[in-house]
Structures are given as structure tokens and as C-alpha cells.
Amino acid sequence: MLVVTCDNCQHFDEDAGMRSFLYKFARFLGDVNAVKKGRVGRRIGRRIAGRATGRGLRRLFK
């Protein structure tokens, strides 16, 4: 992670963009792997469950 102390810190935006790209790419590779192994339904179910859990926790700790 790039850490720079200055008045106009735009360096974090660049780092966050790269991290966002890497997470999306990893999710895509996981999808490809699930298709290869024939576990697409399981992956979709877990993704939906994870989103529901995240929303519930967000409402709980809001």
C-alpha cells in the first residue's frame, strides 16, 4: 500500500482502484474455476448467502 503524507493525497485513489480491480479479477477467476468443476450452483448460493449476511450485519450495526 502506498502511504504518502501530503496536503493533496490522491495516491490512495490509485491504490484503491488497483485493489478493486484485483478483487474483481479474483472473483472472475473463481467463477471460471466453478464452471470448470461444475459447481456453479453452489457458488451462486454462497454468494447470495454472503450478500444477505452482509446486509443483515450492516442493518444490525448501523
PDB file of N, CA and C in Angstrom:
ATOM      1  N   MET A   1       0.841  -1.173   0.000  1.00  0.00           N
ATOM      2  CA  MET A   1       0.000   0.000   0.000  1.00  0.00           C
ATOM      3  C   MET A   1       0.880   1.228   0.000  1.00  0.00           C
ATOM      4  N   LEU A   2       0.542   2.171  -0.798  1.00  0.00           N
ATOM      5  CA  LEU A   2       1.300   3.394  -0.921  1.00  0.00           C
ATOM      6  C   LEU A   2       0.857   4.371   0.149  1.00  0.00           C
ATOM      7  N   VAL A   3       1.776   4.765   1.035  1.00  0.00           N
ATOM      8  CA  VAL A   3       1.442   5.706   2.098  1.00  0.00           C
ATOM      9  C   VAL A   3       2.292   6.944   1.910  1.00  0.00           C
ATOM     10  N   VAL A   4       1.636   8.056   1.632  1.00  0.00           N
ATOM     11  CA  VAL A   4       2.316   9.326   1.436  1.00  0.00           C
ATOM     12  C   VAL A   4       1.568  10.373   2.235  1.00  0.00           C
ATOM     13  N   THR A   5       2.290  11.154   3.017  1.00  0.00           N
ATOM     14  CA  THR A   5       1.641  12.206   3.791  1.00  0.00           C
ATOM     15  C   THR A   5       1.847  13.521   3.057  1.00  0.00           C
ATOM     16  N   CYS A   6       0.729  14.142   2.668  1.00  0.00           N
ATOM     17  CA  CYS A   6       0.789  15.417   1.986  1.00  0.00           C
ATOM     18  C   CYS A   6      -0.568  16.094   2.088  1.00  0.00           C
ATOM     19  N   ASP A   7      -0.655  17.335   1.635  1.00  0.00           N
ATOM     20  CA  ASP A   7      -1.910  18.068   1.704  1.00  0.00           C
ATOM     21  C   ASP A   7      -2.909  17.565   0.670  1.00  0.00           C
ATOM     22  N   ASN A   8      -2.419  17.188  -0.489  1.00  0.00           N
ATOM     23  CA  ASN A   8      -3.291  16.756  -1.574  1.00  0.00           C
ATOM     24  C   ASN A   8      -3.021  15.279  -1.863  1.00  0.00           C
ATOM     25  N   CYS A   9      -3.579  14.373  -1.049  1.00  0.00           N
ATOM     26  CA  CYS A   9      -3.273  12.940  -1.155  1.00  0.00           C
ATOM     27  C   CYS A   9      -4.243  12.267  -2.106  1.00  0.00           C
ATOM     28  N   GLN A  10      -3.853  12.150  -3.349  1.00  0.00           N
ATOM     29  CA  GLN A  10      -4.641  11.429  -4.330  1.00  0.00           C
ATOM     30  C   GLN A  10      -4.034  10.063  -4.602  1.00  0.00           C
ATOM     31  N   HIS A  11      -2.970   9.736  -3.909  1.00  0.00           N
ATOM     32  CA  HIS A  11      -2.290   8.463  -4.128  1.00  0.00           C
ATOM     33  C   HIS A  11      -3.155   7.292  -3.683  1.00  0.00           C
ATOM     34  N   PHE A  12      -3.975   7.500  -2.654  1.00  0.00           N
ATOM     35  CA  PHE A  12      -4.815   6.424  -2.153  1.00  0.00           C
ATOM     36  C   PHE A  12      -5.869   6.019  -3.178  1.00  0.00           C
ATOM     37  N   ASP A  13      -6.348   6.960  -3.982  1.00  0.00           N
ATOM     38  CA  ASP A  13      -7.334   6.643  -5.013  1.00  0.00           C
ATOM     39  C   ASP A  13      -6.763   5.658  -6.030  1.00  0.00           C
ATOM     40  N   GLU A  14      -5.519   5.861  -6.410  1.00  0.00           N
ATOM     41  CA  GLU A  14      -4.882   4.962  -7.364  1.00  0.00           C
ATOM     42  C   GLU A  14      -4.747   3.566  -6.765  1.00  0.00           C
ATOM     43  N   ASP A  15      -4.368   3.508  -5.502  1.00  0.00           N
ATOM     44  CA  ASP A  15      -4.181   2.231  -4.826  1.00  0.00           C
ATOM     45  C   ASP A  15      -5.518   1.508  -4.667  1.00  0.00           C
ATOM     46  N   ALA A  16      -6.563   2.242  -4.326  1.00  0.00           N
ATOM     47  CA  ALA A  16      -7.886   1.645  -4.162  1.00  0.00           C
ATOM     48  C   ALA A  16      -8.408   1.122  -5.502  1.00  0.00           C
ATOM     49  N   GLY A  17      -8.122   1.820  -6.585  1.00  0.00           N
ATOM     50  CA  GLY A  17      -8.546   1.362  -7.902  1.00  0.00           C
ATOM     51  C   GLY A  17      -7.885   0.053  -8.290  1.00  0.00           C
ATOM     52  N   MET A  18      -6.624  -0.077  -7.968  1.00  0.00           N
ATOM     53  CA  MET A  18      -5.896  -1.303  -8.265  1.00  0.00           C
ATOM     54  C   MET A  18      -6.427  -2.453  -7.412  1.00  0.00           C
ATOM     55  N   ARG A  19      -6.681  -2.193  -6.152  1.00  0.00           N
ATOM     56  CA  ARG A  19      -7.207  -3.225  -5.265  1.00  0.00           C
ATOM     57  C   ARG A  19      -8.590  -3.677  -5.743  1.00  0.00           C
ATOM     58  N   SER A  20      -9.416  -2.721  -6.163  1.00  0.00           N
ATOM     59  CA  SER A  20     -10.749  -3.040  -6.673  1.00  0.00           C
ATOM     60  C   SER A  20     -10.638  -3.940  -7.907  1.00  0.00           C
ATOM     61  N   PHE A  21      -9.730  -3.600  -8.801  1.00  0.00           N
ATOM     62  CA  PHE A  21      -9.522  -4.418  -9.996  1.00  0.00           C
ATOM     63  C   PHE A  21      -9.092  -5.830  -9.620  1.00  0.00           C
ATOM     64  N   LEU A  22      -8.177  -5.950  -8.668  1.00  0.00           N
ATOM     65  CA  LEU A  22      -7.686  -7.273  -8.282  1.00  0.00           C
ATOM     66  C   LEU A  22      -8.789  -8.122  -7.653  1.00  0.00           C
ATOM     67  N   TYR A  23      -9.651  -7.508  -6.823  1.00  0.00           N
ATOM     68  CA  TYR A  23     -10.754  -8.261  -6.230  1.00  0.00           C
ATOM     69  C   TYR A  23     -11.733  -8.731  -7.301  1.00  0.00           C
ATOM     70  N   LYS A  24     -12.047  -7.868  -8.268  1.00  0.00           N
ATOM     71  CA  LYS A  24     -12.965  -8.254  -9.341  1.00  0.00           C
ATOM     72  C   LYS A  24     -12.361  -9.366 -10.194  1.00  0.00           C
ATOM     73  N   PHE A  25     -11.069  -9.277 -10.449  1.00  0.00           N
ATOM     74  CA  PHE A  25     -10.384 -10.290 -11.241  1.00  0.00           C
ATOM     75  C   PHE A  25     -10.377 -11.632 -10.506  1.00  0.00           C
ATOM     76  N   ALA A  26     -10.143 -11.604  -9.193  1.00  0.00           N
ATOM     77  CA  ALA A  26     -10.151 -12.832  -8.402  1.00  0.00           C
ATOM     78  C   ALA A  26     -11.546 -13.459  -8.395  1.00  0.00           C
ATOM     79  N   ARG A  27     -12.580 -12.620  -8.318  1.00  0.00           N
ATOM     80  CA  ARG A  27     -13.947 -13.134  -8.348  1.00  0.00           C
ATOM     81  C   ARG A  27     -14.237 -13.791  -9.704  1.00  0.00           C
ATOM     82  N   PHE A  28     -13.754 -13.170 -10.774  1.00  0.00           N
ATOM     83  CA  PHE A  28     -13.924 -13.734 -12.114  1.00  0.00           C
ATOM     84  C   PHE A  28     -13.213 -15.084 -12.228  1.00  0.00           C
ATOM     85  N   LEU A  29     -11.994 -15.167 -11.721  1.00  0.00           N
ATOM     86  CA  LEU A  29     -11.263 -16.433 -11.777  1.00  0.00           C
ATOM     87  C   LEU A  29     -11.966 -17.512 -10.959  1.00  0.00           C
ATOM     88  N   GLY A  30     -12.572 -17.126  -9.834  1.00  0.00           N
ATOM     89  CA  GLY A  30     -13.342 -18.079  -9.043  1.00  0.00           C
ATOM     90  C   GLY A  30     -14.549 -18.590  -9.808  1.00  0.00           C
ATOM     91  N   ASP A  31     -15.196 -17.687 -10.557  1.00  0.00           N
ATOM     92  CA  ASP A  31     -16.331 -18.098 -11.383  1.00  0.00           C
ATOM     93  C   ASP A  31     -15.892 -19.086 -12.461  1.00  0.00           C
ATOM     94  N   VAL A  32     -14.780 -18.804 -13.102  1.00  0.00           N
ATOM     95  CA  VAL A  32     -14.256 -19.700 -14.147  1.00  0.00           C
ATOM     96  C   VAL A  32     -13.933 -21.064 -13.542  1.00  0.00           C
ATOM     97  N   ASN A  33     -13.334 -21.060 -12.369  1.00  0.00           N
ATOM     98  CA  ASN A  33     -12.985 -22.314 -11.706  1.00  0.00           C
ATOM     99  C   ASN A  33     -14.244 -23.107 -11.338  1.00  0.00           C
ATOM    100  N   ALA A  34     -15.288 -22.422 -10.891  1.00  0.00           N
ATOM    101  CA  ALA A  34     -16.542 -23.092 -10.544  1.00  0.00           C
ATOM    102  C   ALA A  34     -17.176 -23.729 -11.782  1.00  0.00           C
ATOM    103  N   VAL A  35     -17.104 -23.039 -12.919  1.00  0.00           N
ATOM    104  CA  VAL A  35     -17.655 -23.597 -14.159  1.00  0.00           C
ATOM    105  C   VAL A  35     -16.880 -24.843 -14.557  1.00  0.00           C
ATOM    106  N   LYS A  36     -15.563 -24.796 -14.438  1.00  0.00           N
ATOM    107  CA  LYS A  36     -14.739 -25.956 -14.797  1.00  0.00           C
ATOM    108  C   LYS A  36     -15.058 -27.164 -13.930  1.00  0.00           C
ATOM    109  N   LYS A  37     -15.305 -26.931 -12.638  1.00  0.00           N
ATOM    110  CA  LYS A  37     -15.552 -28.032 -11.712  1.00  0.00           C
ATOM    111  C   LYS A  37     -17.025 -28.396 -11.620  1.00  0.00           C
ATOM    112  N   GLY A  38     -17.900 -27.639 -12.282  1.00  0.00           N
ATOM    113  CA  GLY A  38     -19.319 -27.938 -12.267  1.00  0.00           C
ATOM    114  C   GLY A  38     -20.006 -27.579 -10.965  1.00  0.00           C
ATOM    115  N   ARG A  39     -19.531 -26.546 -10.302  1.00  0.00           N
ATOM    116  CA  ARG A  39     -20.088 -26.150  -9.005  1.00  0.00           C
ATOM    117  C   ARG A  39     -20.661 -24.745  -9.048  1.00  0.00           C
ATOM    118  N   VAL A  40     -21.265 -24.393 -10.146  1.00  0.00           N
ATOM    119  CA  VAL A  40     -21.788 -23.041 -10.330  1.00  0.00           C
ATOM    120  C   VAL A  40     -22.936 -22.767  -9.356  1.00  0.00           C
ATOM    121  N   GLY A  41     -23.850 -23.712  -9.214  1.00  0.00           N
ATOM    122  CA  GLY A  41     -24.991 -23.522  -8.319  1.00  0.00           C
ATOM    123  C   GLY A  41     -24.565 -23.289  -6.885  1.00  0.00           C
ATOM    124  N   ARG A  42     -23.583 -24.046  -6.446  1.00  0.00           N
ATOM    125  CA  ARG A  42     -23.074 -23.890  -5.077  1.00  0.00           C
ATOM    126  C   ARG A  42     -22.454 -22.505  -4.897  1.00  0.00           C
ATOM    127  N   ARG A  43     -21.706 -22.065  -5.898  1.00  0.00           N
ATOM    128  CA  ARG A  43     -21.056 -20.753  -5.804  1.00  0.00           C
ATOM    129  C   ARG A  43     -22.089 -19.632  -5.780  1.00  0.00           C
ATOM    130  N   ILE A  44     -23.107 -19.729  -6.621  1.00  0.00           N
ATOM    131  CA  ILE A  44     -24.156 -18.709  -6.651  1.00  0.00           C
ATOM    132  C   ILE A  44     -24.878 -18.664  -5.310  1.00  0.00           C
ATOM    133  N   GLY A  45     -25.194 -19.845  -4.751  1.00  0.00           N
ATOM    134  CA  GLY A  45     -25.860 -19.904  -3.455  1.00  0.00           C
ATOM    135  C   GLY A  45     -25.041 -19.262  -2.352  1.00  0.00           C
ATOM    136  N   ARG A  46     -23.749 -19.527  -2.350  1.00  0.00           N
ATOM    137  CA  ARG A  46     -22.885 -18.946  -1.323  1.00  0.00           C
ATOM    138  C   ARG A  46     -22.733 -17.442  -1.496  1.00  0.00           C
ATOM    139  N   ARG A  47     -22.700 -16.994  -2.738  1.00  0.00           N
ATOM    140  CA  ARG A  47     -22.588 -15.552  -2.984  1.00  0.00           C
ATOM    141  C   ARG A  47     -23.849 -14.833  -2.499  1.00  0.00           C
ATOM    142  N   ILE A  48     -25.019 -15.418  -2.780  1.00  0.00           N
ATOM    143  CA  ILE A  48     -26.285 -14.824  -2.327  1.00  0.00           C
ATOM    144  C   ILE A  48     -26.351 -14.828  -0.800  1.00  0.00           C
ATOM    145  N   ALA A  49     -25.940 -15.923  -0.182  1.00  0.00           N
ATOM    146  CA  ALA A  49     -25.946 -16.004   1.282  1.00  0.00           C
ATOM    147  C   ALA A  49     -24.997 -14.969   1.887  1.00  0.00           C
ATOM    148  N   GLY A  50     -23.856 -14.774   1.258  1.00  0.00           N
ATOM    149  CA  GLY A  50     -22.886 -13.786   1.750  1.00  0.00           C
ATOM    150  C   GLY A  50     -23.428 -12.367   1.659  1.00  0.00           C
ATOM    151  N   ARG A  51     -24.116 -12.061   0.568  1.00  0.00           N
ATOM    152  CA  ARG A  51     -24.702 -10.728   0.421  1.00  0.00           C
ATOM    153  C   ARG A  51     -25.787 -10.497   1.459  1.00  0.00           C
ATOM    154  N   ALA A  52     -26.625 -11.514   1.689  1.00  0.00           N
ATOM    155  CA  ALA A  52     -27.698 -11.383   2.679  1.00  0.00           C
ATOM    156  C   ALA A  52     -27.120 -11.194   4.080  1.00  0.00           C
ATOM    157  N   THR A  53     -26.066 -11.935   4.389  1.00  0.00           N
ATOM    158  CA  THR A  53     -25.417 -11.797   5.687  1.00  0.00           C
ATOM    159  C   THR A  53     -24.825 -10.409   5.856  1.00  0.00           C
ATOM    160  N   GLY A  54     -24.171  -9.912   4.813  1.00  0.00           N
ATOM    161  CA  GLY A  54     -23.589  -8.572   4.864  1.00  0.00           C
ATOM    162  C   GLY A  54     -24.642  -7.497   5.069  1.00  0.00           C
ATOM    163  N   ARG A  55     -25.765  -7.625   4.376  1.00  0.00           N
ATOM    164  CA  ARG A  55     -26.839  -6.643   4.537  1.00  0.00           C
ATOM    165  C   ARG A  55     -27.418  -6.701   5.940  1.00  0.00           C
ATOM    166  N   GLY A  56     -27.592  -7.916   6.460  1.00  0.00           N
ATOM    167  CA  GLY A  56     -28.123  -8.059   7.814  1.00  0.00           C
ATOM    168  C   GLY A  56     -27.204  -7.456   8.857  1.00  0.00           C
ATOM    169  N   LEU A  57     -25.906  -7.712   8.722  1.00  0.00           N
ATOM    170  CA  LEU A  57     -24.944  -7.146   9.663  1.00  0.00           C
ATOM    171  C   LEU A  57     -24.870  -5.631   9.545  1.00  0.00           C
ATOM    172  N   ARG A  58     -24.990  -5.132   8.334  1.00  0.00           N
ATOM    173  CA  ARG A  58     -24.964  -3.681   8.134  1.00  0.00           C
ATOM    174  C   ARG A  58     -26.143  -3.014   8.842  1.00  0.00           C
ATOM    175  N   ARG A  59     -27.318  -3.633   8.726  1.00  0.00           N
ATOM    176  CA  ARG A  59     -28.519  -3.087   9.392  1.00  0.00           C
ATOM    177  C   ARG A  59     -28.384  -3.204  10.909  1.00  0.00           C
ATOM    178  N   LEU A  60     -27.778  -4.284  11.375  1.00  0.00           N
ATOM    179  CA  LEU A  60     -27.637  -4.510  12.809  1.00  0.00           C
ATOM    180  C   LEU A  60     -26.699  -3.494  13.458  1.00  0.00           C
ATOM    181  N   PHE A  61     -25.612  -3.167  12.791  1.00  0.00           N
ATOM    182  CA  PHE A  61     -24.611  -2.275  13.361  1.00  0.00           C
ATOM    183  C   PHE A  61     -24.663  -0.866  12.807  1.00  0.00           C
ATOM    184  N   LYS A  62     -25.788  -0.488  12.235  1.00  0.00           N
ATOM    185  CA  LYS A  62     -25.931   0.845  11.654  1.00  0.00           C
ATOM    186  C   LYS A  62     -26.072   1.910  12.700  1.00  0.00           C
TER     187      LYS A  62
END
